[in-house]
N, C-alpha and C. Protein backbone atom coordinates (compact mmCIF):
# COMPACT_ATOMS: atom_id res chain seq x y z
N MET A 1 -17.10 -18.46 -6.48
CA MET A 1 -15.70 -18.84 -6.59
C MET A 1 -15.31 -19.60 -5.33
N ALA A 2 -14.72 -20.77 -5.48
CA ALA A 2 -14.30 -21.58 -4.34
C ALA A 2 -13.06 -20.98 -3.70
N LYS A 3 -13.04 -21.00 -2.37
CA LYS A 3 -11.89 -20.47 -1.65
C LYS A 3 -10.87 -21.57 -1.45
N ASN A 4 -9.60 -21.23 -1.62
CA ASN A 4 -8.52 -22.18 -1.43
C ASN A 4 -8.11 -22.12 0.04
N ILE A 5 -8.18 -23.26 0.73
CA ILE A 5 -7.86 -23.27 2.16
C ILE A 5 -6.36 -23.26 2.41
N ASP A 6 -5.54 -23.38 1.37
CA ASP A 6 -4.09 -23.38 1.53
C ASP A 6 -3.47 -22.01 1.30
N THR A 7 -4.30 -20.98 1.16
CA THR A 7 -3.76 -19.63 0.92
C THR A 7 -4.33 -18.64 1.92
N VAL A 8 -3.62 -17.52 2.03
CA VAL A 8 -4.05 -16.42 2.89
C VAL A 8 -4.08 -15.16 2.03
N PRO A 9 -5.14 -14.35 2.14
CA PRO A 9 -5.19 -13.10 1.37
C PRO A 9 -4.33 -12.02 2.02
N ILE A 10 -3.62 -11.26 1.18
CA ILE A 10 -2.85 -10.12 1.66
C ILE A 10 -3.21 -8.92 0.78
N GLU A 11 -3.63 -7.83 1.41
CA GLU A 11 -3.91 -6.61 0.67
C GLU A 11 -2.58 -5.95 0.32
N VAL A 12 -2.41 -5.64 -0.97
CA VAL A 12 -1.13 -5.11 -1.44
C VAL A 12 -1.32 -3.87 -2.31
N CYS A 13 -0.22 -3.16 -2.48
CA CYS A 13 -0.12 -2.08 -3.45
C CYS A 13 0.93 -2.52 -4.46
N ILE A 14 0.58 -2.50 -5.72
CA ILE A 14 1.47 -2.94 -6.80
C ILE A 14 1.77 -1.73 -7.66
N LEU A 15 3.05 -1.47 -7.88
CA LEU A 15 3.44 -0.35 -8.72
C LEU A 15 3.93 -0.86 -10.06
N THR A 16 3.41 -0.25 -11.12
CA THR A 16 3.91 -0.50 -12.47
C THR A 16 4.35 0.86 -13.01
N VAL A 17 4.87 0.88 -14.20
CA VAL A 17 5.34 2.15 -14.77
C VAL A 17 4.19 3.16 -14.89
N ASP A 18 3.02 2.69 -15.29
CA ASP A 18 1.91 3.60 -15.57
C ASP A 18 0.80 3.63 -14.53
N HIS A 19 0.78 2.64 -13.61
CA HIS A 19 -0.36 2.51 -12.71
C HIS A 19 0.06 2.16 -11.29
N ASP A 20 -0.78 2.54 -10.35
CA ASP A 20 -0.74 2.04 -8.98
C ASP A 20 -1.95 1.13 -8.87
N ILE A 21 -1.75 -0.06 -8.34
CA ILE A 21 -2.84 -1.03 -8.25
C ILE A 21 -2.97 -1.47 -6.80
N LYS A 22 -4.17 -1.36 -6.27
CA LYS A 22 -4.46 -1.89 -4.93
C LYS A 22 -5.34 -3.11 -5.11
N GLY A 23 -5.06 -4.15 -4.35
CA GLY A 23 -5.89 -5.34 -4.43
C GLY A 23 -5.41 -6.39 -3.46
N ILE A 24 -5.87 -7.61 -3.68
CA ILE A 24 -5.54 -8.71 -2.79
C ILE A 24 -4.86 -9.82 -3.59
N VAL A 25 -3.72 -10.29 -3.09
CA VAL A 25 -3.07 -11.48 -3.64
C VAL A 25 -3.18 -12.57 -2.59
N HIS A 26 -3.15 -13.80 -3.05
CA HIS A 26 -3.27 -14.94 -2.16
C HIS A 26 -1.94 -15.67 -2.12
N VAL A 27 -1.39 -15.82 -0.91
CA VAL A 27 -0.09 -16.46 -0.73
C VAL A 27 -0.28 -17.75 0.06
N SER A 28 0.68 -18.63 -0.07
CA SER A 28 0.63 -19.91 0.64
C SER A 28 0.68 -19.68 2.15
N LYS A 29 -0.17 -20.37 2.87
CA LYS A 29 -0.13 -20.22 4.32
C LYS A 29 0.96 -21.07 4.95
N TYR A 30 1.69 -21.82 4.13
CA TYR A 30 2.78 -22.67 4.63
C TYR A 30 4.14 -22.00 4.50
N THR A 31 4.16 -20.76 4.04
CA THR A 31 5.40 -20.02 3.86
C THR A 31 5.72 -19.26 5.13
N ASN A 32 7.01 -19.05 5.38
CA ASN A 32 7.45 -18.22 6.50
C ASN A 32 6.74 -16.87 6.40
N THR A 33 6.18 -16.40 7.48
CA THR A 33 5.38 -15.17 7.48
C THR A 33 6.11 -13.98 6.88
N ASN A 34 7.39 -13.84 7.10
CA ASN A 34 8.14 -12.70 6.60
C ASN A 34 8.49 -12.83 5.12
N ARG A 35 8.25 -13.99 4.53
CA ARG A 35 8.67 -14.23 3.15
C ARG A 35 7.51 -14.49 2.20
N GLU A 36 6.29 -14.29 2.63
CA GLU A 36 5.12 -14.64 1.81
C GLU A 36 5.16 -13.99 0.43
N LEU A 37 5.25 -12.67 0.39
CA LEU A 37 5.26 -11.96 -0.89
C LEU A 37 6.53 -12.24 -1.67
N THR A 38 7.66 -12.30 -0.99
CA THR A 38 8.93 -12.55 -1.67
C THR A 38 8.90 -13.89 -2.38
N ASP A 39 8.44 -14.92 -1.70
CA ASP A 39 8.37 -16.24 -2.31
C ASP A 39 7.41 -16.25 -3.51
N LEU A 40 6.30 -15.56 -3.37
CA LEU A 40 5.34 -15.48 -4.47
C LEU A 40 5.95 -14.80 -5.69
N LEU A 41 6.63 -13.69 -5.47
CA LEU A 41 7.18 -12.90 -6.58
C LEU A 41 8.43 -13.53 -7.20
N ASN A 42 9.17 -14.31 -6.44
CA ASN A 42 10.40 -14.92 -6.95
C ASN A 42 10.19 -16.29 -7.56
N ASP A 43 8.97 -16.75 -7.63
CA ASP A 43 8.66 -18.05 -8.23
C ASP A 43 8.90 -17.96 -9.74
N LYS A 44 9.94 -18.64 -10.23
CA LYS A 44 10.32 -18.56 -11.65
C LYS A 44 9.27 -19.16 -12.58
N GLU A 45 8.40 -20.02 -12.05
CA GLU A 45 7.34 -20.62 -12.86
C GLU A 45 6.14 -19.68 -13.04
N ARG A 46 6.06 -18.67 -12.21
CA ARG A 46 4.92 -17.75 -12.24
C ARG A 46 5.20 -16.61 -13.22
N ARG A 47 4.37 -16.44 -14.23
CA ARG A 47 4.53 -15.35 -15.19
C ARG A 47 3.50 -14.24 -14.97
N PHE A 48 2.45 -14.57 -14.24
CA PHE A 48 1.39 -13.59 -13.97
C PHE A 48 1.09 -13.56 -12.48
N LEU A 49 0.73 -12.39 -11.99
CA LEU A 49 0.34 -12.22 -10.61
C LEU A 49 -1.18 -12.04 -10.58
N ALA A 50 -1.87 -12.94 -9.91
CA ALA A 50 -3.33 -12.87 -9.81
C ALA A 50 -3.72 -11.93 -8.68
N VAL A 51 -4.62 -11.00 -8.98
CA VAL A 51 -5.07 -10.00 -8.00
C VAL A 51 -6.59 -10.00 -7.99
N THR A 52 -7.17 -10.06 -6.80
CA THR A 52 -8.63 -9.95 -6.68
C THR A 52 -8.97 -8.60 -6.07
N ASN A 53 -10.22 -8.18 -6.27
CA ASN A 53 -10.69 -6.88 -5.77
C ASN A 53 -9.71 -5.76 -6.13
N ALA A 54 -9.32 -5.72 -7.38
CA ALA A 54 -8.29 -4.78 -7.84
C ALA A 54 -8.87 -3.42 -8.18
N GLU A 55 -8.11 -2.39 -7.82
CA GLU A 55 -8.41 -1.01 -8.21
C GLU A 55 -7.16 -0.47 -8.89
N ILE A 56 -7.33 -0.01 -10.14
CA ILE A 56 -6.20 0.51 -10.92
C ILE A 56 -6.28 2.03 -10.97
N TYR A 57 -5.23 2.67 -10.48
CA TYR A 57 -5.13 4.13 -10.46
C TYR A 57 -4.10 4.56 -11.50
N PRO A 58 -4.51 5.25 -12.58
CA PRO A 58 -3.51 5.75 -13.53
C PRO A 58 -2.60 6.75 -12.84
N ARG A 59 -1.32 6.64 -13.08
CA ARG A 59 -0.34 7.46 -12.36
C ARG A 59 -0.28 8.90 -12.88
N ASN A 60 -0.48 9.11 -14.16
CA ASN A 60 -0.22 10.44 -14.74
C ASN A 60 -1.47 11.27 -15.02
N ASN A 61 -2.61 10.89 -14.46
CA ASN A 61 -3.79 11.74 -14.64
C ASN A 61 -4.72 11.53 -13.46
N ASN A 62 -5.78 12.31 -13.43
CA ASN A 62 -6.70 12.29 -12.28
C ASN A 62 -7.97 11.50 -12.55
N GLN A 63 -7.89 10.47 -13.38
CA GLN A 63 -9.06 9.66 -13.67
C GLN A 63 -9.45 8.85 -12.43
N SER A 64 -10.72 8.49 -12.37
CA SER A 64 -11.19 7.62 -11.30
C SER A 64 -10.58 6.24 -11.48
N PRO A 65 -10.41 5.50 -10.37
CA PRO A 65 -9.84 4.16 -10.50
C PRO A 65 -10.80 3.22 -11.22
N ARG A 66 -10.22 2.29 -11.97
CA ARG A 66 -11.02 1.22 -12.57
C ARG A 66 -10.99 0.05 -11.61
N LYS A 67 -12.12 -0.63 -11.47
CA LYS A 67 -12.23 -1.73 -10.50
C LYS A 67 -12.51 -3.04 -11.22
N TYR A 68 -11.84 -4.09 -10.75
CA TYR A 68 -12.00 -5.42 -11.32
C TYR A 68 -12.10 -6.44 -10.19
N ASN A 69 -12.95 -7.44 -10.37
CA ASN A 69 -13.02 -8.53 -9.40
C ASN A 69 -11.77 -9.40 -9.47
N PHE A 70 -11.24 -9.57 -10.69
CA PHE A 70 -10.05 -10.40 -10.89
C PHE A 70 -9.19 -9.78 -11.98
N LEU A 71 -7.88 -9.79 -11.75
CA LEU A 71 -6.95 -9.19 -12.69
C LEU A 71 -5.66 -10.01 -12.67
N GLU A 72 -5.06 -10.22 -13.83
CA GLU A 72 -3.75 -10.85 -13.91
C GLU A 72 -2.77 -9.83 -14.46
N ILE A 73 -1.63 -9.68 -13.77
CA ILE A 73 -0.61 -8.72 -14.18
C ILE A 73 0.64 -9.50 -14.56
N HIS A 74 1.15 -9.25 -15.75
CA HIS A 74 2.38 -9.92 -16.19
C HIS A 74 3.53 -9.48 -15.30
N MET A 75 4.30 -10.43 -14.81
CA MET A 75 5.36 -10.14 -13.84
C MET A 75 6.42 -9.19 -14.40
N ASP A 76 6.61 -9.16 -15.71
CA ASP A 76 7.61 -8.26 -16.30
C ASP A 76 7.25 -6.78 -16.11
N TYR A 77 5.97 -6.49 -15.84
CA TYR A 77 5.55 -5.09 -15.69
C TYR A 77 5.48 -4.64 -14.23
N VAL A 78 5.70 -5.56 -13.31
CA VAL A 78 5.63 -5.23 -11.89
C VAL A 78 6.95 -4.62 -11.44
N LEU A 79 6.90 -3.39 -10.93
CA LEU A 79 8.08 -2.73 -10.39
C LEU A 79 8.26 -3.03 -8.92
N MET A 80 7.14 -3.03 -8.17
CA MET A 80 7.22 -3.24 -6.74
C MET A 80 5.86 -3.70 -6.21
N VAL A 81 5.91 -4.56 -5.20
CA VAL A 81 4.71 -5.00 -4.50
C VAL A 81 4.99 -4.90 -3.01
N HIS A 82 4.08 -4.30 -2.26
CA HIS A 82 4.25 -4.28 -0.82
C HIS A 82 2.89 -4.30 -0.14
N PRO A 83 2.85 -4.77 1.11
CA PRO A 83 1.57 -4.82 1.82
C PRO A 83 0.95 -3.44 1.92
N ALA A 84 -0.36 -3.38 1.74
CA ALA A 84 -1.06 -2.10 1.77
C ALA A 84 -0.96 -1.43 3.12
N ALA A 85 -0.78 -2.21 4.18
CA ALA A 85 -0.65 -1.62 5.52
C ALA A 85 0.58 -0.72 5.60
N GLN A 86 1.56 -0.92 4.72
CA GLN A 86 2.78 -0.13 4.73
C GLN A 86 2.76 0.96 3.65
N THR A 87 1.64 1.13 3.00
CA THR A 87 1.54 2.05 1.88
C THR A 87 1.26 3.48 2.34
N VAL A 88 1.95 4.43 1.74
CA VAL A 88 1.64 5.84 1.93
C VAL A 88 1.09 6.33 0.60
N PHE A 89 -0.18 6.67 0.57
CA PHE A 89 -0.81 7.06 -0.67
C PHE A 89 -0.67 8.55 -0.92
N LYS A 90 -0.91 8.92 -2.15
CA LYS A 90 -0.83 10.33 -2.53
C LYS A 90 -1.75 11.16 -1.65
N ASP A 91 -1.35 12.40 -1.42
CA ASP A 91 -2.18 13.28 -0.61
C ASP A 91 -3.51 13.50 -1.30
N SER A 92 -4.55 13.31 -0.55
CA SER A 92 -5.89 13.61 -1.05
C SER A 92 -6.45 14.72 -0.16
N GLY A 93 -7.57 15.24 -0.52
CA GLY A 93 -8.20 16.26 0.31
C GLY A 93 -8.45 15.74 1.71
N LYS A 94 -8.88 14.49 1.81
CA LYS A 94 -9.14 13.88 3.12
C LYS A 94 -7.87 13.77 3.94
N SER A 95 -6.78 13.31 3.32
CA SER A 95 -5.53 13.17 4.08
C SER A 95 -5.01 14.54 4.50
N GLN A 96 -5.21 15.55 3.68
CA GLN A 96 -4.79 16.90 4.05
C GLN A 96 -5.59 17.40 5.25
N GLU A 97 -6.89 17.09 5.28
CA GLU A 97 -7.72 17.46 6.43
C GLU A 97 -7.22 16.76 7.70
N ASP A 98 -6.88 15.48 7.58
CA ASP A 98 -6.37 14.72 8.72
C ASP A 98 -5.06 15.30 9.22
N ILE A 99 -4.17 15.67 8.31
CA ILE A 99 -2.88 16.25 8.68
C ILE A 99 -3.09 17.57 9.41
N THR A 100 -3.98 18.42 8.89
CA THR A 100 -4.27 19.71 9.51
C THR A 100 -4.85 19.52 10.90
N ARG A 101 -5.80 18.59 11.05
CA ARG A 101 -6.41 18.33 12.34
C ARG A 101 -5.36 17.80 13.34
N PHE A 102 -4.48 16.92 12.88
CA PHE A 102 -3.43 16.39 13.74
C PHE A 102 -2.50 17.52 14.21
N ARG A 103 -2.11 18.40 13.31
CA ARG A 103 -1.22 19.52 13.68
C ARG A 103 -1.88 20.44 14.70
N GLU A 104 -3.18 20.70 14.51
CA GLU A 104 -3.91 21.54 15.47
C GLU A 104 -3.95 20.89 16.84
N LEU A 105 -4.21 19.60 16.89
CA LEU A 105 -4.23 18.89 18.17
C LEU A 105 -2.85 18.90 18.84
N ARG A 106 -1.82 18.72 18.04
CA ARG A 106 -0.47 18.72 18.59
C ARG A 106 -0.13 20.10 19.16
N MET A 107 -0.53 21.17 18.48
CA MET A 107 -0.28 22.53 18.99
C MET A 107 -1.02 22.74 20.31
N LYS A 108 -2.27 22.28 20.41
CA LYS A 108 -3.03 22.43 21.65
C LYS A 108 -2.37 21.65 22.78
N LEU A 109 -1.91 20.45 22.48
CA LEU A 109 -1.22 19.66 23.51
C LEU A 109 0.05 20.35 23.97
N ASN A 110 0.79 20.90 23.05
CA ASN A 110 2.03 21.60 23.41
C ASN A 110 1.74 22.83 24.27
N GLN A 111 0.61 23.48 24.05
CA GLN A 111 0.25 24.67 24.83
C GLN A 111 -0.18 24.31 26.24
N THR A 112 -0.69 23.10 26.44
CA THR A 112 -1.18 22.71 27.77
C THR A 112 -0.12 22.05 28.63
N ARG A 113 1.05 21.77 28.08
CA ARG A 113 2.13 21.15 28.85
C ARG A 113 2.70 22.12 29.88
N PRO A 114 2.95 21.62 31.09
CA PRO A 114 3.60 22.50 32.08
C PRO A 114 5.06 22.70 31.71
N PHE A 115 5.58 23.88 32.01
CA PHE A 115 6.97 24.19 31.65
C PHE A 115 7.90 23.76 32.73
């Protein structure tokens, strides 16, 4: 697949009624940095959002994610899109372990502080 030199990839989380989708959308590199996704989503000529390296997570069950190299999502079904760097994902066993470890470290730090 040829790469377009006029776009920049952004990893995003896309919410629909039934699914959470993680993947990459390509936005124009000539757009104001703070408006990249907004301009892409507000384009009245665009009816589908192209996503590469997509992972679809069903919202109402514990199925494994389905993975696609390329996916098009009809804009009418998109509830929200935001950069993945700002995403807070559902608690998993791993995130629970991280939270527990962080709390333990914080307690140890609090115990070593001089009064």
